[in-house]
Amino acid sequence: MEVTVKLYLAFRLGRFATGPVEVAAPATVGRVVEQLGLADEEIGLALVNGRQAEPGHGLSRGDLVQLFPVVGGG
């Protein structure tokens, strides 16, 4: 199933900014993260269609998944 993924900040390095991703079943935010080679602890915020989502959030064809890395500073 295809969803659109938009990556932010350091997640774009060596990847893409926005693009289609074919997600294997079961289609979840966590599965997208896994397929992109990211670790769960690297994810600061995940949005699905503009709403905050957890790794187990199920996806539907055409959803927009936005992934933001953990940002540190002080």
Protein backbone atom coordinates (compact mmCIF):
# COMPACT_ATOMS: atom_id res chain seq x y z
CA MET A 1 0.00 0.00 0.00
CA GLU A 2 1.34 3.43 -0.89
CA VAL A 3 1.50 6.42 1.48
CA THR A 4 3.27 9.75 1.13
CA VAL A 5 6.10 10.36 3.57
CA LYS A 6 7.54 13.76 4.39
CA LEU A 7 10.84 13.81 6.27
CA TYR A 8 12.23 16.72 8.25
CA LEU A 9 15.68 17.96 9.25
CA ALA A 10 18.39 15.26 9.55
CA PHE A 11 16.04 12.52 8.33
CA ARG A 12 16.40 13.96 4.82
CA LEU A 13 20.15 13.32 4.70
CA GLY A 14 20.72 10.50 2.22
CA ARG A 15 16.98 10.01 1.78
CA PHE A 16 14.34 12.35 0.36
CA ALA A 17 12.20 15.29 1.48
CA THR A 18 8.78 14.07 0.33
CA GLY A 19 7.88 11.00 -1.63
CA PRO A 20 5.73 7.92 -2.04
CA VAL A 21 6.59 4.88 0.06
CA GLU A 22 5.20 1.41 -0.47
CA VAL A 23 4.43 0.04 3.01
CA ALA A 24 4.37 -3.68 3.74
CA ALA A 25 1.50 -5.11 5.77
CA PRO A 26 0.64 -4.41 8.48
CA ALA A 27 0.81 -0.77 7.40
CA THR A 28 1.66 1.27 10.49
CA VAL A 29 3.76 4.32 11.32
CA GLY A 30 6.26 1.96 12.95
CA ARG A 31 6.53 -0.06 9.73
CA VAL A 32 7.31 3.11 7.74
CA VAL A 33 9.99 4.05 10.29
CA GLU A 34 11.46 0.54 10.04
CA GLN A 35 11.45 0.51 6.24
CA LEU A 36 13.29 3.83 6.16
CA GLY A 37 16.02 2.41 8.40
CA LEU A 38 15.20 4.70 11.30
CA ALA A 39 15.09 3.69 14.97
CA ASP A 40 11.98 4.32 17.07
CA GLU A 41 14.04 6.34 19.56
CA GLU A 42 15.08 8.72 16.75
CA ILE A 43 11.46 9.80 16.18
CA GLY A 44 10.56 12.97 18.06
CA LEU A 45 7.14 13.38 16.45
CA ALA A 46 5.09 11.44 13.93
CA LEU A 47 2.00 12.90 12.29
CA VAL A 48 -0.55 11.14 10.10
CA ASN A 49 -2.69 13.53 8.09
CA GLY A 50 -1.70 16.33 10.47
CA ARG A 51 -2.50 14.48 13.71
CA GLN A 52 0.00 13.07 16.18
CA ALA A 53 0.38 9.29 15.85
CA GLU A 54 2.08 6.49 17.75
CA PRO A 55 4.13 3.71 16.08
CA GLY A 56 1.18 1.30 16.10
CA HIS A 57 -1.13 3.73 14.30
CA GLY A 58 -2.65 1.99 11.28
CA LEU A 59 -2.30 3.60 7.88
CA SER A 60 -4.65 3.82 4.91
CA ARG A 61 -3.74 4.19 1.25
CA GLY A 62 -2.87 7.82 0.47
CA ASP A 63 -2.16 8.91 4.07
CA LEU A 64 0.47 11.59 4.65
CA VAL A 65 3.06 10.51 7.23
CA GLN A 66 5.35 13.26 8.56
CA LEU A 67 8.40 12.28 10.60
CA PHE A 68 10.41 14.68 12.75
CA PRO A 69 13.64 13.68 14.55
CA VAL A 70 14.30 14.24 18.23
CA VAL A 71 15.73 17.73 18.58
CA GLY A 72 18.10 18.53 21.42
CA GLY A 73 19.48 21.75 22.65
CA GLY A 74 19.52 23.99 25.57
